[in-house]
């Protein structure tokens, strides 16, 4: 598959560079999206459980 060690090293380097670029793109996307606030039935349920625990 690889003619020599240089081809192998170049292939590894390119694969690693592509992974780093994908990670950077994912991080940029995550920073650009608004943060989710835990609102919904689950957060209300947890809040209610905390109120009950406080009354005991």
Protein backbone atom coordinates (compact mmCIF):
# COMPACT_ATOMS: atom_id res chain seq x y z
CA UNK A 1 0.00 0.00 0.00
CA UNK A 2 2.77 2.45 0.91
CA UNK A 3 5.82 2.70 -1.29
CA UNK A 4 8.11 3.68 1.57
CA UNK A 5 8.20 5.01 5.11
CA UNK A 6 7.86 8.61 3.93
CA UNK A 7 4.51 7.82 2.31
CA UNK A 8 3.32 6.14 5.50
CA UNK A 9 4.40 9.09 7.65
CA UNK A 10 2.74 11.55 5.28
CA UNK A 11 -0.48 9.56 5.36
CA UNK A 12 -0.45 9.50 9.18
CA UNK A 13 0.27 13.23 9.28
CA UNK A 14 -2.61 14.01 6.93
CA UNK A 15 -5.02 11.82 8.90
CA UNK A 16 -4.01 13.47 12.16
CA UNK A 17 -4.28 16.96 10.65
CA UNK A 18 -7.77 16.13 9.38
CA UNK A 19 -8.78 14.95 12.86
CA UNK A 20 -7.45 18.15 14.43
CA UNK A 21 -9.34 20.27 11.91
CA UNK A 22 -12.55 18.35 12.59
CA UNK A 23 -12.09 18.81 16.35
CA UNK A 24 -11.49 22.54 15.91
CA UNK A 25 -14.58 22.88 13.71
CA UNK A 26 -16.68 21.02 16.29
CA UNK A 27 -15.40 23.27 19.07
CA UNK A 28 -16.13 26.42 17.04
CA UNK A 29 -19.65 25.18 16.34
CA UNK A 30 -20.23 24.37 20.01
CA UNK A 31 -19.10 27.87 21.02
CA UNK A 32 -21.31 29.53 18.40
CA UNK A 33 -24.50 27.79 19.53
CA UNK A 34 -26.46 29.20 22.48
CA UNK A 35 -26.11 27.22 25.67
CA UNK A 36 -29.03 25.02 26.61
CA UNK A 37 -30.78 25.79 29.83
CA UNK A 38 -32.15 22.75 31.62
CA UNK A 39 -35.81 23.64 31.31
CA UNK A 40 -38.43 21.02 30.86
CA UNK A 41 -40.20 18.31 32.77
CA UNK A 42 -36.95 16.80 34.04
CA UNK A 43 -35.60 20.00 35.58
CA UNK A 44 -38.99 20.77 37.20
CA UNK A 45 -39.07 17.28 38.60
CA UNK A 46 -35.60 17.64 40.09
CA UNK A 47 -36.54 21.02 41.52
CA UNK A 48 -39.66 19.55 43.12
CA UNK A 49 -37.58 16.75 44.61
CA UNK A 50 -35.23 19.32 46.16
CA UNK A 51 -38.19 21.17 47.72
CA UNK A 52 -39.48 17.93 49.19
CA UNK A 53 -36.04 17.07 50.56
CA UNK A 54 -35.87 20.49 52.23
CA UNK A 55 -39.17 20.01 54.03
CA UNK A 56 -38.07 16.79 55.77
